[in-house]
Amino acid sequence: MPEPDRKAREQAEGWVRQQGMTQARAAMDEARRAGFQSPEAWAGVAAFWSGDSLAPPEAPAVTPPPHLTGIAVAGALALASVRGDAARQPQRLAMFLQSAQDIAAGGPGRLPPEAP
């Protein structure tokens, strides 16, 4: 995985584990560095868009519309589900949703490696 994507993933995962604007802004910064081209970058965007404000920290708050987070998450899932072998998209999407449910319930949400 390219370094910018890896960093975006790490920041987005960090936000999932410890939500806050500092973590959300770091996730967006890494998504920007990754060029908004990968599932990892869009996970970072989702973290930022779920926060309190879209504005820079020193500016008055601009509350994000509530639907933005879902759009970014859907984009991340769509990109991830077709990475590599796009024929596996239905199975991958089901696994991703199961992982999300596990995280929402307090679990780790880790997925096993895919069989070749």
C-alpha atoms as a PDB file:
ATOM      1  CA  MET A   1       0.000   0.000   0.000  1.00  0.00           C
ATOM      2  CA  PRO A   2       1.395   3.429  -0.843  1.00  0.00           C
ATOM      3  CA  GLU A   3       2.559   5.398   2.185  1.00  0.00           C
ATOM      4  CA  PRO A   4      -0.053   8.200   1.886  1.00  0.00           C
ATOM      5  CA  ASP A   5      -2.863   5.627   1.788  1.00  0.00           C
ATOM      6  CA  ARG A   6      -1.419   3.740   4.750  1.00  0.00           C
ATOM      7  CA  LYS A   7      -1.230   6.939   6.785  1.00  0.00           C
ATOM      8  CA  ALA A   8      -4.783   7.910   5.806  1.00  0.00           C
ATOM      9  CA  ARG A   9      -5.999   4.478   6.926  1.00  0.00           C
ATOM     10  CA  GLU A  10      -4.158   4.726  10.233  1.00  0.00           C
ATOM     11  CA  GLN A  11      -5.590   8.169  10.969  1.00  0.00           C
ATOM     12  CA  ALA A  12      -9.130   7.110  10.034  1.00  0.00           C
ATOM     13  CA  GLU A  13      -8.825   4.004  12.201  1.00  0.00           C
ATOM     14  CA  GLY A  14      -7.472   6.147  15.021  1.00  0.00           C
ATOM     15  CA  TRP A  15     -10.546   8.352  14.730  1.00  0.00           C
ATOM     16  CA  VAL A  16     -12.829   5.291  14.958  1.00  0.00           C
ATOM     17  CA  ARG A  17     -11.107   4.304  18.200  1.00  0.00           C
ATOM     18  CA  GLN A  18     -10.835   7.813  19.686  1.00  0.00           C
ATOM     19  CA  GLN A  19     -13.169  10.346  18.126  1.00  0.00           C
ATOM     20  CA  GLY A  20     -12.347  14.022  18.282  1.00  0.00           C
ATOM     21  CA  MET A  21     -11.609  16.948  16.010  1.00  0.00           C
ATOM     22  CA  THR A  22      -7.838  16.635  16.358  1.00  0.00           C
ATOM     23  CA  GLN A  23      -7.991  13.069  15.070  1.00  0.00           C
ATOM     24  CA  ALA A  24     -10.589  13.991  12.424  1.00  0.00           C
ATOM     25  CA  ARG A  25      -8.430  16.833  11.086  1.00  0.00           C
ATOM     26  CA  ALA A  26      -5.374  14.554  10.979  1.00  0.00           C
ATOM     27  CA  ALA A  27      -7.401  12.002   8.988  1.00  0.00           C
ATOM     28  CA  MET A  28      -8.454  14.679   6.494  1.00  0.00           C
ATOM     29  CA  ASP A  29      -4.874  15.932   6.164  1.00  0.00           C
ATOM     30  CA  GLU A  30      -3.715  12.422   5.254  1.00  0.00           C
ATOM     31  CA  ALA A  31      -6.650  11.960   2.859  1.00  0.00           C
ATOM     32  CA  ARG A  32      -5.568  15.156   1.103  1.00  0.00           C
ATOM     33  CA  ARG A  33      -1.976  13.900   0.892  1.00  0.00           C
ATOM     34  CA  ALA A  34      -3.293  10.651  -0.597  1.00  0.00           C
ATOM     35  CA  GLY A  35      -5.062  12.661  -3.291  1.00  0.00           C
ATOM     36  CA  PHE A  36      -8.571  11.465  -2.395  1.00  0.00           C
ATOM     37  CA  GLN A  37      -7.981   8.492  -4.711  1.00  0.00           C
ATOM     38  CA  SER A  38      -8.287   5.488  -2.400  1.00  0.00           C
ATOM     39  CA  PRO A  39     -10.702   3.855   0.019  1.00  0.00           C
ATOM     40  CA  GLU A  40      -8.310   4.804   2.816  1.00  0.00           C
ATOM     41  CA  ALA A  41      -8.429   8.469   1.825  1.00  0.00           C
ATOM     42  CA  TRP A  42     -12.227   8.454   1.754  1.00  0.00           C
ATOM     43  CA  ALA A  43     -12.314   6.863   5.202  1.00  0.00           C
ATOM     44  CA  GLY A  44     -10.253   9.850   6.348  1.00  0.00           C
ATOM     45  CA  VAL A  45     -12.709  12.228   4.696  1.00  0.00           C
ATOM     46  CA  ALA A  46     -15.580  10.455   6.460  1.00  0.00           C
ATOM     47  CA  ALA A  47     -13.871  10.931   9.811  1.00  0.00           C
ATOM     48  CA  PHE A  48     -13.480  14.650   9.164  1.00  0.00           C
ATOM     49  CA  TRP A  49     -16.987  15.151   7.805  1.00  0.00           C
ATOM     50  CA  SER A  50     -18.411  13.479  10.930  1.00  0.00           C
ATOM     51  CA  GLY A  51     -16.841  16.145  13.130  1.00  0.00           C
ATOM     52  CA  ASP A  52     -18.082  19.385  14.600  1.00  0.00           C
ATOM     53  CA  SER A  53     -16.887  21.762  11.890  1.00  0.00           C
ATOM     54  CA  LEU A  54     -15.660  21.882   8.318  1.00  0.00           C
ATOM     55  CA  ALA A  55     -13.915  25.197   8.950  1.00  0.00           C
ATOM     56  CA  PRO A  56     -10.284  25.639   9.983  1.00  0.00           C
ATOM     57  CA  PRO A  57      -9.780  25.488  13.766  1.00  0.00           C
ATOM     58  CA  GLU A  58      -9.340  29.260  14.084  1.00  0.00           C
ATOM     59  CA  ALA A  59     -12.519  30.085  12.099  1.00  0.00           C
ATOM     60  CA  PRO A  60     -16.128  30.054  13.249  1.00  0.00           C
ATOM     61  CA  ALA A  61     -17.603  26.554  13.170  1.00  0.00           C
ATOM     62  CA  VAL A  62     -19.329  25.327  10.029  1.00  0.00           C
ATOM     63  CA  THR A  63     -21.407  22.302  10.919  1.00  0.00           C
ATOM     64  CA  PRO A  64     -21.232  19.619   8.209  1.00  0.00           C
ATOM     65  CA  PRO A  65     -24.522  18.447   6.736  1.00  0.00           C
ATOM     66  CA  PRO A  66     -25.416  15.097   8.336  1.00  0.00           C
ATOM     67  CA  HIS A  67     -25.418  13.171   5.049  1.00  0.00           C
ATOM     68  CA  LEU A  68     -21.767  13.899   4.160  1.00  0.00           C
ATOM     69  CA  THR A  69     -20.268  11.219   6.389  1.00  0.00           C
ATOM     70  CA  GLY A  70     -22.407   8.518   4.802  1.00  0.00           C
ATOM     71  CA  ILE A  71     -21.427   9.651   1.315  1.00  0.00           C
ATOM     72  CA  ALA A  72     -17.722   9.378   2.162  1.00  0.00           C
ATOM     73  CA  VAL A  73     -18.158   5.973   3.818  1.00  0.00           C
ATOM     74  CA  ALA A  74     -20.128   4.690   0.823  1.00  0.00           C
ATOM     75  CA  GLY A  75     -17.377   5.910  -1.499  1.00  0.00           C
ATOM     76  CA  ALA A  76     -14.699   4.202   0.586  1.00  0.00           C
ATOM     77  CA  LEU A  77     -16.637   0.933   0.606  1.00  0.00           C
ATOM     78  CA  ALA A  78     -17.337   1.081  -3.127  1.00  0.00           C
ATOM     79  CA  LEU A  79     -13.669   1.671  -3.940  1.00  0.00           C
ATOM     80  CA  ALA A  80     -12.472  -1.023  -1.542  1.00  0.00           C
ATOM     81  CA  SER A  81     -14.962  -3.603  -2.767  1.00  0.00           C
ATOM     82  CA  VAL A  82     -13.666  -3.466  -6.347  1.00  0.00           C
ATOM     83  CA  ARG A  83      -9.936  -3.205  -5.573  1.00  0.00           C
ATOM     84  CA  GLY A  84      -8.040  -6.006  -7.278  1.00  0.00           C
ATOM     85  CA  ASP A  85     -10.600  -8.559  -8.440  1.00  0.00           C
ATOM     86  CA  ALA A  86     -13.841  -6.646  -9.000  1.00  0.00           C
ATOM     87  CA  ALA A  87     -15.739  -9.938  -9.347  1.00  0.00           C
ATOM     88  CA  ARG A  88     -15.419 -10.341  -5.567  1.00  0.00           C
ATOM     89  CA  GLN A  89     -17.361  -7.113  -4.935  1.00  0.00           C
ATOM     90  CA  PRO A  90     -20.557  -8.701  -3.515  1.00  0.00           C
ATOM     91  CA  GLN A  91     -18.667 -10.885  -1.026  1.00  0.00           C
ATOM     92  CA  ARG A  92     -16.352  -8.044  -0.015  1.00  0.00           C
ATOM     93  CA  LEU A  93     -19.185  -5.619   0.541  1.00  0.00           C
ATOM     94  CA  ALA A  94     -20.934  -8.145   2.803  1.00  0.00           C
ATOM     95  CA  MET A  95     -17.707  -8.626   4.793  1.00  0.00           C
ATOM     96  CA  PHE A  96     -17.184  -4.865   5.101  1.00  0.00           C
ATOM     97  CA  LEU A  97     -20.695  -4.363   6.430  1.00  0.00           C
ATOM     98  CA  GLN A  98     -20.223  -7.191   8.935  1.00  0.00           C
ATOM     99  CA  SER A  99     -16.970  -5.572  10.069  1.00  0.00           C
ATOM    100  CA  ALA A 100     -18.730  -2.216  10.505  1.00  0.00           C
ATOM    101  CA  GLN A 101     -21.415  -3.854  12.638  1.00  0.00           C
ATOM    102  CA  ASP A 102     -18.707  -5.449  14.777  1.00  0.00           C
ATOM    103  CA  ILE A 103     -17.000  -2.082  15.293  1.00  0.00           C
ATOM    104  CA  ALA A 104     -20.330  -0.439  16.149  1.00  0.00           C
ATOM    105  CA  ALA A 105     -20.856  -3.128  18.797  1.00  0.00           C
ATOM    106  CA  GLY A 106     -17.437  -2.407  20.323  1.00  0.00           C
ATOM    107  CA  GLY A 107     -15.494  -5.164  18.570  1.00  0.00           C
ATOM    108  CA  PRO A 108     -12.259  -4.854  16.616  1.00  0.00           C
ATOM    109  CA  GLY A 109     -13.874  -5.201  13.176  1.00  0.00           C
ATOM    110  CA  ARG A 110     -10.807  -6.968  11.801  1.00  0.00           C
ATOM    111  CA  LEU A 111     -11.193  -8.931   8.601  1.00  0.00           C
ATOM    112  CA  PRO A 112      -9.237 -12.074   7.771  1.00  0.00           C
ATOM    113  CA  PRO A 113      -6.977 -11.899   4.717  1.00  0.00           C
ATOM    114  CA  GLU A 114      -8.701 -12.844   1.487  1.00  0.00           C
ATOM    115  CA  ALA A 115      -7.889 -16.167  -0.074  1.00  0.00           C
ATOM    116  CA  PRO A 116      -5.989 -15.774  -3.355  1.00  0.00           C
END
